Amino acid sequence: MTDKIIIFDTTLRDGEQSPGASMTRDEKLRIARQLERLKVDVIEAGFAASSNGDFECVKAIAQAIKDSTVCSLARANDRDIARAAEALKGAQSARIHTFIATSALHMEKKLRMTPDEVYEQAKQSVRFARNLVADVEFSPEDGYRSDPDFLCRVLEAVIAEGATTINVPDTVGYAVPELYGNFIKSLRERIPNSDKAIWSVHCHNDLGMAVANSLAGVKIGGARQVECTINGLGERAGNCSLEEVVMAVKTRRDYFGLDLGIDTRHILAASRMVSQTTGFVVQPNKAVVGANAFAHASGIHQDGVLKARDTYEIMRAEDVGWSANKIVLGKLSGRNAFKQRLQELGVQLDSEAEINAAFARFKELADRKAEIFDEDILALVSDESVSADKEQFAFVSLAQHSETGERPHAAVVFTVAGKEVKSESDGNGPVDASLKAIEALVQSGAEMVLYSVNAISGSTESQGEVTVRLQNSGRVVNGTGSDPDIVVASAKAYLSALNKLQSKANRVAAQG
């Protein structure tokens, strides 16, 4: 057994299954590069067979990433596996992650297959994958709720076929730490060839125990790979949080006795990038990366920290990236300084034209806002990548009038397929009027299920970041927009969500 924990990040695959969290190719590529800076061991880039868009994302990431293994998910069939292998061509280090459900409930109700059929399918799939790549991971979906005898039979067979990693998912977040840890331990003890593979844990957070279960799988069960996501992003209640599990192992090395390859100084940058890209705001009291994670309000705590930091701090804020330059640029900053800061933030723009466009947006923002924070830069680059994608709708300008005792009115100018249009409406407030004006012309028929405002940095001069979640015909999408004017940010977010609703990319749901 190794004394190192392998960190397998699935933000771009399982995390993206959060309703509305789908990302563009460029957004995925930017996050993958940040994960590489973080020194994540394995990046699960997507599910290549689910759509042409996901195939292209996996392919682009496989070609761009050099220091991490790039992985694609695939169901246990030849088509999915071949598609994954094709997308991973050119990767410095490639892995295929194939899965099939093994719980009685899933086999009967979802797959409509007998246990013997599942057993054969699992064997054949790993054999086929192993002929295409040297690194194959196998997951028995809903493994924790599977019959242990049957699970042992399946896992022994796939290891014999060449699976190099065995992942045991708690797919529905049903486990509790001690039981889950002992479950992994029992499987490893009962399967004769268990030492031929690395054991992995993949825990969902439905009962709030994903991190605890994962750590129990490591400490009690002997697992040496943890599957996780930045900010715990994922469908339903999310996944095991990368930043929490990494800092737990690092901070309590006295207990775990294990090493990590993660460069923790890039954790905060990764957290902010994922949050701003997906529109899923990090709660202030979130461990490690929340705004209050290292804040001390109690007078007793403040006194103790001033005398000796370790009285109340078990981690150093700078170790996870909090000490990075807070105020970096202003309106007198030049293009080279801006370009350098992009590199430090892990943002890589593909051409000088893109850098020039982002710099122009930066100068425009700097004229309206004295101090430009890292979060501002990430937001404007994110906006730039969206506008560069030639979306159906794009914001141009907005005028609104709001006065006590009068009904607010807004006029919004935006483009539809490149043609400029204008629409006006009244509303309960300036934001409501602006969004109603857009909808009056577009007539998407979408239902708004979330409207959220978040200050990017901590002052009234701050840019406001707005998230709008729309639902239409079973599709749920998030749109984000940022601007010092919250009404403008809201209009941008609404148009961003409408653009995503226009996307025809078909996705196949998968869960490991």
Protein backbone atom coordinates (compact mmCIF):
# COMPACT_ATOMS: atom_id res chain seq x y z
CA MET A 1 0.00 0.00 0.00
CA THR A 2 1.17 3.48 -0.88
CA ASP A 3 1.40 6.23 1.71
CA LYS A 4 0.12 8.83 -0.77
CA ILE A 5 -3.48 9.83 -1.40
CA ILE A 6 -4.42 10.18 -5.08
CA ILE A 7 -6.79 13.11 -5.59
CA PHE A 8 -9.28 12.40 -8.39
CA ASP A 9 -11.19 15.56 -9.26
CA THR A 10 -14.56 15.14 -10.97
CA THR A 11 -15.72 18.78 -10.95
CA LEU A 12 -15.90 18.77 -14.75
CA ARG A 13 -17.95 15.56 -14.88
CA ASP A 14 -19.93 14.77 -11.72
CA GLY A 15 -19.85 18.39 -10.54
CA GLU A 16 -21.27 19.53 -13.86
CA GLN A 17 -24.33 17.34 -13.26
CA SER A 18 -25.63 19.95 -10.81
CA PRO A 19 -28.78 21.45 -12.36
CA GLY A 20 -27.61 24.46 -14.35
CA ALA A 21 -23.88 23.89 -13.82
CA SER A 22 -23.03 22.94 -17.41
CA MET A 23 -19.93 24.68 -18.74
CA THR A 24 -18.61 25.65 -22.14
CA ARG A 25 -15.50 24.07 -23.65
CA ASP A 26 -13.39 27.14 -22.85
CA GLU A 27 -14.67 27.29 -19.27
CA LYS A 28 -13.87 23.60 -18.74
CA LEU A 29 -10.42 24.07 -20.23
CA ARG A 30 -9.72 27.02 -17.94
CA ILE A 31 -10.78 25.04 -14.86
CA ALA A 32 -8.73 22.02 -15.98
CA ARG A 33 -5.64 24.21 -16.22
CA GLN A 34 -6.30 25.50 -12.71
CA LEU A 35 -6.66 21.91 -11.45
CA GLU A 36 -3.30 21.15 -13.08
CA ARG A 37 -1.76 24.10 -11.22
CA LEU A 38 -3.31 22.66 -8.06
CA LYS A 39 -1.44 19.42 -8.93
CA VAL A 40 -4.57 17.27 -8.95
CA ASP A 41 -3.51 13.69 -9.78
CA VAL A 42 -6.47 12.76 -11.99
CA ILE A 43 -8.88 15.12 -13.77
CA GLU A 44 -12.14 13.52 -14.88
CA ALA A 45 -12.73 15.80 -17.86
CA GLY A 46 -16.20 14.59 -18.80
CA PHE A 47 -18.33 11.82 -20.27
CA ALA A 48 -17.17 11.68 -23.89
CA ALA A 49 -20.06 9.55 -25.19
CA SER A 50 -22.78 11.76 -23.71
CA SER A 51 -22.65 14.45 -26.41
CA ASN A 52 -20.42 15.84 -29.15
CA GLY A 53 -19.83 18.85 -26.91
CA ASP A 54 -18.54 16.72 -24.04
CA PHE A 55 -16.39 14.71 -26.48
CA GLU A 56 -14.75 17.93 -27.68
CA CYS A 57 -14.22 19.09 -24.07
CA VAL A 58 -12.47 15.83 -23.11
CA LYS A 59 -10.39 15.96 -26.29
CA ALA A 60 -9.30 19.57 -25.71
CA ILE A 61 -8.39 18.91 -22.07
CA ALA A 62 -6.52 15.70 -22.97
CA GLN A 63 -4.37 17.65 -25.42
CA ALA A 64 -3.77 20.64 -23.13
CA ILE A 65 -2.99 18.97 -19.79
CA LYS A 66 0.49 17.53 -19.30
CA ASP A 67 1.01 17.09 -15.55
CA SER A 68 -2.23 15.33 -14.53
CA THR A 69 -3.89 12.14 -15.76
CA VAL A 70 -6.95 12.98 -17.88
CA CYS A 71 -9.93 10.65 -17.49
CA SER A 72 -13.23 10.13 -19.32
CA LEU A 73 -16.26 8.37 -17.90
CA ALA A 74 -17.86 5.58 -19.95
CA ARG A 75 -20.75 3.24 -19.35
CA ALA A 76 -19.89 -0.44 -19.52
CA ASN A 77 -20.39 -0.85 -23.26
CA ASP A 78 -18.05 -0.88 -26.24
CA ARG A 79 -19.45 2.28 -27.85
CA ASP A 80 -18.92 4.46 -24.76
CA ILE A 81 -15.46 3.05 -24.10
CA ALA A 82 -14.30 3.46 -27.71
CA ARG A 83 -15.59 7.03 -27.72
CA ALA A 84 -13.71 7.77 -24.48
CA ALA A 85 -10.49 6.30 -25.90
CA GLU A 86 -10.86 8.40 -29.05
CA ALA A 87 -11.33 11.60 -27.03
CA LEU A 88 -8.29 10.79 -24.87
CA LYS A 89 -5.91 10.34 -27.83
CA GLY A 90 -2.96 12.65 -27.43
CA ALA A 91 -3.16 12.72 -23.64
CA GLN A 92 0.16 12.50 -21.83
CA SER A 93 -1.53 10.18 -19.33
CA ALA A 94 -5.02 8.78 -20.05
CA ARG A 95 -7.57 6.84 -18.01
CA ILE A 96 -10.94 5.32 -18.90
CA HIS A 97 -13.42 5.14 -16.02
CA THR A 98 -16.14 2.61 -16.76
CA PHE A 99 -19.11 1.76 -14.57
CA ILE A 100 -22.21 -0.39 -14.25
CA ALA A 101 -24.75 -0.62 -11.43
CA THR A 102 -24.49 -3.60 -9.07
CA SER A 103 -27.20 -3.01 -6.44
CA ALA A 104 -30.29 -5.23 -6.72
CA LEU A 105 -32.49 -2.13 -6.97
CA HIS A 106 -30.53 -0.61 -9.85
CA MET A 107 -30.07 -3.88 -11.73
CA GLU A 108 -33.78 -4.66 -11.60
CA LYS A 109 -35.38 -1.25 -11.98
CA LYS A 110 -32.86 0.69 -14.08
CA LEU A 111 -30.78 -1.78 -16.08
CA ARG A 112 -33.36 -4.58 -16.26
CA MET A 113 -30.46 -7.03 -16.22
CA THR A 114 -29.79 -10.16 -14.17
CA PRO A 115 -26.76 -10.27 -11.85
CA ASP A 116 -25.05 -12.73 -14.21
CA GLU A 117 -25.55 -10.34 -17.13
CA VAL A 118 -24.09 -7.45 -15.14
CA TYR A 119 -21.13 -9.64 -14.13
CA GLU A 120 -20.36 -10.51 -17.75
CA GLN A 121 -20.84 -6.93 -18.94
CA ALA A 122 -18.44 -5.63 -16.31
CA LYS A 123 -15.76 -8.17 -17.25
CA GLN A 124 -16.04 -7.58 -20.98
CA SER A 125 -16.01 -3.81 -20.61
CA VAL A 126 -12.84 -3.72 -18.53
CA ARG A 127 -11.19 -6.17 -20.94
CA PHE A 128 -12.12 -3.97 -23.90
CA ALA A 129 -10.99 -0.76 -22.15
CA ARG A 130 -7.70 -2.34 -21.11
CA ASN A 131 -6.94 -3.06 -24.77
CA LEU A 132 -7.23 0.67 -25.49
CA VAL A 133 -5.48 2.27 -22.48
CA ALA A 134 -3.22 0.99 -19.70
CA ASP A 135 -5.07 2.80 -16.91
CA VAL A 136 -8.65 1.57 -16.33
CA GLU A 137 -10.89 2.42 -13.40
CA PHE A 138 -14.03 0.42 -12.63
CA SER A 139 -16.95 1.60 -10.49
CA PRO A 140 -19.89 -0.52 -9.36
CA GLU A 141 -22.60 2.15 -9.32
CA ASP A 142 -24.56 2.16 -6.04
CA GLY A 143 -21.79 -0.11 -4.77
CA TYR A 144 -22.41 0.62 -1.10
CA ARG A 145 -25.99 -0.70 -1.34
CA SER A 146 -24.94 -3.79 -3.31
CA ASP A 147 -24.92 -7.35 -1.99
CA PRO A 148 -21.37 -7.85 -0.65
CA ASP A 149 -21.05 -11.39 -2.03
CA PHE A 150 -22.05 -10.33 -5.52
CA LEU A 151 -19.87 -7.22 -5.32
CA CYS A 152 -16.84 -9.31 -4.34
CA ARG A 153 -17.47 -11.60 -7.33
CA VAL A 154 -17.67 -8.67 -9.76
CA LEU A 155 -14.67 -6.79 -8.38
CA GLU A 156 -12.45 -9.88 -8.32
CA ALA A 157 -13.31 -10.49 -11.97
CA VAL A 158 -12.63 -6.93 -13.18
CA ILE A 159 -9.30 -6.82 -11.36
CA ALA A 160 -8.40 -10.07 -13.11
CA GLU A 161 -9.32 -8.39 -16.41
CA GLY A 162 -6.87 -5.57 -15.72
CA ALA A 163 -8.71 -2.83 -13.80
CA THR A 164 -6.01 -0.74 -12.12
CA THR A 165 -8.35 1.25 -9.82
CA ILE A 166 -11.47 -0.02 -8.05
CA ASN A 167 -13.83 2.73 -6.95
CA VAL A 168 -16.66 1.96 -4.50
CA PRO A 169 -19.29 4.73 -4.76
CA ASP A 170 -21.82 5.72 -2.16
CA THR A 171 -23.94 6.95 -5.03
CA VAL A 172 -26.91 8.17 -3.02
CA GLY A 173 -25.08 9.43 0.10
CA TYR A 174 -26.55 6.69 2.33
CA ALA A 175 -23.36 5.67 4.16
CA VAL A 176 -22.12 6.60 7.62
CA PRO A 177 -18.35 6.79 8.24
CA GLU A 178 -17.62 3.75 10.39
CA LEU A 179 -19.83 1.42 8.36
CA TYR A 180 -18.50 2.69 5.03
CA GLY A 181 -14.88 2.37 6.13
CA ASN A 182 -15.46 -1.18 7.32
CA PHE A 183 -17.32 -1.99 4.09
CA ILE A 184 -14.25 -1.05 2.02
CA LYS A 185 -11.99 -2.94 4.43
CA SER A 186 -14.15 -6.06 4.19
CA LEU A 187 -14.10 -6.01 0.38
CA ARG A 188 -10.31 -5.69 0.31
CA GLU A 189 -9.90 -8.54 2.80
CA ARG A 190 -12.32 -10.88 1.01
CA ILE A 191 -11.16 -10.37 -2.59
CA PRO A 192 -8.02 -12.48 -3.24
CA ASN A 193 -6.47 -10.13 -5.84
CA SER A 194 -7.45 -6.85 -4.14
CA ASP A 195 -3.78 -5.89 -3.82
CA LYS A 196 -3.51 -5.69 -7.62
CA ALA A 197 -5.55 -2.48 -7.76
CA ILE A 198 -5.71 0.89 -6.03
CA TRP A 199 -8.94 1.30 -4.05
CA SER A 200 -10.94 4.48 -4.33
CA VAL A 201 -13.89 6.17 -2.62
CA HIS A 202 -16.59 8.33 -4.20
CA CYS A 203 -19.11 9.72 -1.71
CA HIS A 204 -22.15 11.91 -2.19
CA ASN A 205 -23.25 14.40 0.43
CA ASP A 206 -27.00 13.72 0.85
CA LEU A 207 -26.64 13.32 4.63
CA GLY A 208 -23.77 15.80 4.92
CA MET A 209 -21.16 13.10 5.48
CA ALA A 210 -19.34 12.85 2.12
CA VAL A 211 -16.01 14.10 3.48
CA ALA A 212 -16.28 12.04 6.68
CA ASN A 213 -17.20 8.91 4.72
CA SER A 214 -14.33 9.42 2.29
CA LEU A 215 -11.83 9.85 5.11
CA ALA A 216 -13.19 6.73 6.83
CA GLY A 217 -12.75 4.85 3.55
CA VAL A 218 -9.11 5.97 3.61
CA LYS A 219 -8.31 5.43 7.29
CA ILE A 220 -10.38 2.31 8.03
CA GLY A 221 -10.80 0.84 4.57
CA GLY A 222 -7.34 1.44 3.20
CA ALA A 223 -8.47 3.36 0.12
CA ARG A 224 -5.75 5.43 -1.50
CA GLN A 225 -7.77 7.47 -3.98
CA VAL A 226 -10.45 10.03 -3.08
CA GLU A 227 -12.91 11.26 -5.72
CA CYS A 228 -14.04 14.81 -5.02
CA THR A 229 -15.01 18.16 -6.51
CA ILE A 230 -14.07 21.79 -5.97
CA ASN A 231 -16.51 23.38 -3.47
CA GLY A 232 -18.24 19.98 -3.15
CA LEU A 233 -20.08 20.79 -6.41
CA GLY A 234 -22.46 18.09 -7.61
CA GLU A 235 -26.04 17.05 -8.14
CA ARG A 236 -28.48 16.99 -5.20
CA ALA A 237 -26.43 17.87 -2.08
CA GLY A 238 -23.12 17.58 -3.91
CA ASN A 239 -19.96 15.49 -3.64
CA CYS A 240 -17.02 15.14 -1.31
CA SER A 241 -15.30 18.54 -1.16
CA LEU A 242 -11.72 18.54 -2.47
CA GLU A 243 -10.55 21.42 -0.30
CA GLU A 244 -11.96 19.87 2.88
CA VAL A 245 -10.59 16.37 2.37
CA VAL A 246 -7.16 17.71 1.30
CA MET A 247 -6.81 20.06 4.26
CA ALA A 248 -8.08 17.38 6.68
CA VAL A 249 -5.37 14.94 5.57
CA LYS A 250 -2.72 17.68 5.53
CA THR A 251 -3.68 19.27 8.88
CA ARG A 252 -4.14 15.94 10.68
CA ARG A 253 -1.13 14.16 9.25
CA ASP A 254 -0.49 12.99 12.82
CA TYR A 255 -3.63 10.85 12.49
CA PHE A 256 -3.74 9.87 8.82
CA GLY A 257 0.02 9.55 8.25
CA LEU A 258 -0.47 10.09 4.51
CA ASP A 259 1.00 12.45 1.91
CA LEU A 260 -0.64 14.51 -0.81
CA GLY A 261 0.74 15.99 -4.02
CA ILE A 262 -1.68 18.93 -3.95
CA ASP A 263 -0.27 22.48 -4.00
CA THR A 264 -2.77 23.90 -1.53
CA ARG A 265 -1.83 27.53 -2.30
CA HIS A 266 -4.05 27.31 -5.40
CA ILE A 267 -7.16 26.01 -3.60
CA LEU A 268 -8.85 29.39 -3.17
CA ALA A 269 -8.24 30.40 -6.80
CA ALA A 270 -9.79 27.11 -7.96
CA SER A 271 -12.76 27.59 -5.65
CA ARG A 272 -13.45 31.10 -6.94
CA MET A 273 -13.04 30.07 -10.55
CA VAL A 274 -15.54 27.21 -10.22
CA SER A 275 -17.97 29.38 -8.27
CA GLN A 276 -17.91 32.22 -10.78
CA THR A 277 -18.06 29.90 -13.78
CA THR A 278 -21.04 27.87 -12.58
CA GLY A 279 -22.88 30.55 -10.60
CA PHE A 280 -22.92 28.35 -7.49
CA VAL A 281 -21.99 30.78 -4.72
CA VAL A 282 -19.77 29.54 -1.88
CA GLN A 283 -21.50 30.00 1.48
CA PRO A 284 -19.60 32.37 3.83
CA ASN A 285 -19.13 29.73 6.54
CA LYS A 286 -17.90 27.04 4.12
CA ALA A 287 -14.80 25.31 5.49
CA VAL A 288 -11.45 26.39 4.01
CA VAL A 289 -12.77 28.58 1.16
CA GLY A 290 -15.73 30.45 2.69
CA ALA A 291 -15.37 34.20 3.27
CA ASN A 292 -15.58 33.64 7.04
CA ALA A 293 -13.31 30.58 7.15
CA PHE A 294 -10.48 32.54 8.79
CA ALA A 295 -12.52 35.41 10.28
CA HIS A 296 -12.76 35.84 14.06
CA ALA A 297 -15.70 37.86 15.40
CA SER A 298 -15.59 36.84 19.05
CA GLY A 299 -13.55 39.20 21.22
CA ILE A 300 -11.97 36.26 23.07
CA HIS A 301 -11.00 34.62 19.74
CA GLN A 302 -9.58 37.88 18.37
CA ASP A 303 -7.49 38.39 21.49
CA GLY A 304 -6.16 34.85 21.31
CA VAL A 305 -5.28 35.04 17.60
CA LEU A 306 -3.45 38.35 18.09
CA LYS A 307 -1.33 36.78 20.86
CA ALA A 308 -0.72 33.48 19.08
CA ARG A 309 -2.38 32.42 15.82
CA ASP A 310 -2.55 28.75 16.73
CA THR A 311 -4.87 29.46 19.68
CA TYR A 312 -7.82 29.38 17.27
CA GLU A 313 -6.33 28.68 13.82
CA ILE A 314 -5.40 25.13 12.87
CA MET A 315 -4.52 26.13 9.30
CA ARG A 316 -2.74 29.17 7.92
CA ALA A 317 -4.94 31.22 5.60
CA GLU A 318 -2.04 31.80 3.22
CA ASP A 319 -1.53 28.02 2.82
CA VAL A 320 -4.79 27.77 0.88
CA GLY A 321 -4.34 31.00 -1.08
CA TRP A 322 -5.95 33.65 1.10
CA SER A 323 -2.80 35.74 1.22
CA ALA A 324 -2.68 36.23 -2.54
CA ASN A 325 -2.63 39.92 -3.49
CA LYS A 326 -6.07 41.27 -2.63
CA ILE A 327 -5.80 44.55 -4.50
CA VAL A 328 -3.82 44.01 -7.66
CA LEU A 329 -4.59 46.53 -10.34
CA GLY A 330 -6.15 49.93 -11.02
CA LYS A 331 -6.88 52.19 -13.98
CA LEU A 332 -3.20 53.17 -14.35
CA SER A 333 -2.11 49.54 -14.70
CA GLY A 334 -0.76 48.54 -18.09
CA ARG A 335 -1.44 45.63 -20.39
CA ASN A 336 1.64 43.67 -19.28
CA ALA A 337 0.64 43.87 -15.61
CA PHE A 338 -2.85 42.70 -16.53
CA LYS A 339 -1.48 39.83 -18.62
CA GLN A 340 0.85 38.79 -15.77
CA ARG A 341 -2.04 38.74 -13.31
CA LEU A 342 -4.07 36.54 -15.66
CA GLN A 343 -1.18 34.05 -15.67
CA GLU A 344 -0.93 34.13 -11.87
CA LEU A 345 -4.67 33.41 -11.65
CA GLY A 346 -4.29 30.40 -13.96
CA VAL A 347 -6.24 32.05 -16.79
CA GLN A 348 -4.86 31.24 -20.23
CA LEU A 349 -6.32 33.12 -23.20
CA ASP A 350 -5.57 31.55 -26.57
CA SER A 351 -4.76 34.63 -28.64
CA GLU A 352 -3.52 38.21 -28.39
CA ALA A 353 -6.93 39.33 -29.65
CA GLU A 354 -8.61 37.70 -26.63
CA ILE A 355 -6.11 39.31 -24.26
CA ASN A 356 -6.68 42.70 -25.88
CA ALA A 357 -10.47 42.32 -25.61
CA ALA A 358 -10.21 41.32 -21.94
CA PHE A 359 -7.83 44.22 -21.28
CA ALA A 360 -10.27 46.67 -22.89
CA ARG A 361 -13.00 45.39 -20.56
CA PHE A 362 -10.60 45.74 -17.63
CA LYS A 363 -9.85 49.39 -18.48
CA GLU A 364 -13.56 50.09 -18.85
CA LEU A 365 -14.19 48.59 -15.40
CA ALA A 366 -11.21 50.44 -13.88
CA ASP A 367 -12.73 53.76 -14.97
CA ARG A 368 -15.80 52.93 -12.87
CA LYS A 369 -14.11 51.18 -9.95
CA ALA A 370 -10.93 52.35 -8.21
CA GLU A 371 -9.59 48.97 -7.10
CA ILE A 372 -9.67 45.81 -9.19
CA PHE A 373 -9.65 42.54 -7.25
CA ASP A 374 -8.76 39.05 -8.46
CA GLU A 375 -12.46 38.17 -8.40
CA ASP A 376 -13.19 41.12 -10.71
CA ILE A 377 -10.62 39.88 -13.22
CA LEU A 378 -12.03 36.34 -13.19
CA ALA A 379 -15.53 37.71 -13.68
CA LEU A 380 -14.65 39.92 -16.64
CA VAL A 381 -12.63 37.14 -18.32
CA SER A 382 -15.59 34.81 -17.80
CA ASP A 383 -17.88 37.41 -19.41
CA GLU A 384 -15.42 37.75 -22.28
CA SER A 385 -15.40 33.99 -22.95
CA VAL A 386 -19.20 33.96 -23.05
CA SER A 387 -19.41 36.87 -25.49
CA ALA A 388 -16.70 35.30 -27.65
CA ASP A 389 -18.83 32.22 -28.17
CA LYS A 390 -21.16 34.08 -30.59
CA GLU A 391 -24.19 33.49 -28.40
CA GLN A 392 -27.74 34.07 -29.56
CA PHE A 393 -28.32 36.93 -27.11
CA ALA A 394 -25.86 39.62 -26.01
CA PHE A 395 -26.32 42.64 -23.73
CA VAL A 396 -25.81 46.14 -25.20
CA SER A 397 -27.25 48.76 -22.85
CA LEU A 398 -29.93 49.47 -20.29
CA ALA A 399 -31.86 52.50 -19.04
CA GLN A 400 -34.17 52.36 -16.08
CA HIS A 401 -36.14 54.77 -13.94
CA SER A 402 -37.07 54.05 -10.33
CA GLU A 403 -38.68 56.50 -7.93
CA THR A 404 -40.54 56.10 -4.63
CA GLY A 405 -44.26 55.98 -5.30
CA GLU A 406 -43.80 55.39 -9.04
CA ARG A 407 -43.78 52.05 -10.85
CA PRO A 408 -40.22 51.30 -12.09
CA HIS A 409 -39.62 51.22 -15.84
CA ALA A 410 -36.74 49.75 -17.84
CA ALA A 411 -35.63 49.80 -21.48
CA VAL A 412 -33.11 47.13 -22.50
CA VAL A 413 -31.10 47.02 -25.73
CA PHE A 414 -29.60 43.65 -26.66
CA THR A 415 -28.73 41.67 -29.76
CA VAL A 416 -30.56 38.64 -31.11
CA ALA A 417 -28.41 36.65 -33.55
CA GLY A 418 -26.31 39.79 -34.07
CA LYS A 419 -29.24 42.13 -34.71
CA GLU A 420 -29.84 44.93 -32.19
CA VAL A 421 -33.31 45.10 -30.62
CA LYS A 422 -34.95 47.15 -27.86
CA SER A 423 -37.66 46.21 -25.40
CA GLU A 424 -39.34 48.07 -22.53
CA SER A 425 -41.43 47.07 -19.53
CA ASP A 426 -42.64 48.12 -16.09
CA GLY A 427 -42.01 45.96 -13.05
CA ASN A 428 -42.08 45.72 -9.26
CA GLY A 429 -38.51 47.01 -9.18
CA PRO A 430 -35.79 47.96 -11.68
CA VAL A 431 -34.49 44.37 -11.87
CA ASP A 432 -37.98 42.95 -12.39
CA ALA A 433 -38.72 45.57 -15.06
CA SER A 434 -35.45 44.82 -16.89
CA LEU A 435 -35.95 41.07 -16.97
CA LYS A 436 -39.60 41.44 -17.99
CA ALA A 437 -38.49 43.69 -20.85
CA ILE A 438 -36.13 40.98 -22.12
CA GLU A 439 -38.71 38.23 -21.72
CA ALA A 440 -41.42 40.29 -23.45
CA LEU A 441 -39.40 40.19 -26.64
CA VAL A 442 -37.73 36.78 -26.38
CA GLN A 443 -40.82 34.94 -25.07
CA SER A 444 -38.82 31.93 -23.86
CA GLY A 445 -41.61 30.77 -21.54
CA ALA A 446 -38.95 29.77 -18.99
CA GLU A 447 -39.68 29.76 -15.27
CA MET A 448 -37.18 31.51 -12.99
CA VAL A 449 -36.37 29.17 -10.10
CA LEU A 450 -33.49 31.15 -8.57
CA TYR A 451 -32.33 34.76 -8.48
CA SER A 452 -29.21 35.35 -6.39
CA VAL A 453 -26.96 38.39 -5.85
CA ASN A 454 -23.43 38.18 -4.50
CA ALA A 455 -20.88 40.97 -3.99
CA ILE A 456 -17.63 39.96 -5.69
CA SER A 457 -15.56 41.98 -3.22
CA GLY A 458 -16.41 43.67 0.02
CA SER A 459 -17.58 47.22 -0.58
CA THR A 460 -20.49 49.17 -2.07
CA GLU A 461 -18.18 49.88 -5.03
CA SER A 462 -17.94 46.14 -5.61
CA GLN A 463 -19.12 44.43 -8.74
CA GLY A 464 -22.34 42.58 -8.18
CA GLU A 465 -22.46 39.00 -9.42
CA VAL A 466 -25.95 37.78 -10.25
CA THR A 467 -27.04 34.19 -10.82
CA VAL A 468 -30.31 33.45 -12.61
CA ARG A 469 -31.59 29.87 -12.83
CA LEU A 470 -34.22 29.14 -15.48
CA GLN A 471 -36.25 26.00 -16.07
CA ASN A 472 -38.00 25.11 -19.30
CA SER A 473 -39.26 21.76 -20.63
CA GLY A 474 -37.29 19.82 -18.02
CA ARG A 475 -34.02 21.69 -18.65
CA VAL A 476 -32.44 23.69 -15.84
CA VAL A 477 -29.71 26.23 -16.63
CA ASN A 478 -27.76 28.86 -14.71
CA GLY A 479 -26.77 32.22 -16.13
CA THR A 480 -24.31 34.58 -14.48
CA GLY A 481 -23.54 38.24 -15.02
CA SER A 482 -21.35 40.77 -13.26
CA ASP A 483 -21.28 44.57 -13.26
CA PRO A 484 -20.97 47.40 -10.71
CA ASP A 485 -24.61 48.15 -11.60
CA ILE A 486 -26.68 45.29 -10.17
CA VAL A 487 -29.52 45.90 -12.64
CA VAL A 488 -27.12 45.53 -15.57
CA ALA A 489 -25.60 42.41 -13.96
CA SER A 490 -29.12 40.96 -13.68
CA ALA A 491 -29.87 41.58 -17.35
CA LYS A 492 -26.56 39.98 -18.35
CA ALA A 493 -27.30 36.94 -16.17
CA TYR A 494 -30.78 36.52 -17.66
CA LEU A 495 -29.41 36.70 -21.22
CA SER A 496 -26.65 34.23 -20.26
CA ALA A 497 -29.27 31.76 -19.01
CA LEU A 498 -31.34 32.22 -22.19
CA ASN A 499 -28.23 31.43 -24.26
CA LYS A 500 -27.79 28.16 -22.39
CA LEU A 501 -31.44 27.28 -22.94
CA GLN A 502 -30.82 27.77 -26.67
CA SER A 503 -28.02 25.20 -26.63
CA LYS A 504 -29.12 21.95 -28.24
CA ALA A 505 -26.39 19.81 -26.71
CA ASN A 506 -27.91 16.54 -25.61
CA ARG A 507 -26.49 15.10 -22.41
CA VAL A 508 -26.79 11.59 -21.06
CA ALA A 509 -27.06 11.51 -17.28
CA ALA A 510 -24.46 9.39 -15.58
CA GLN A 511 -23.66 8.90 -11.95
CA GLY A 512 -20.83 6.96 -10.39
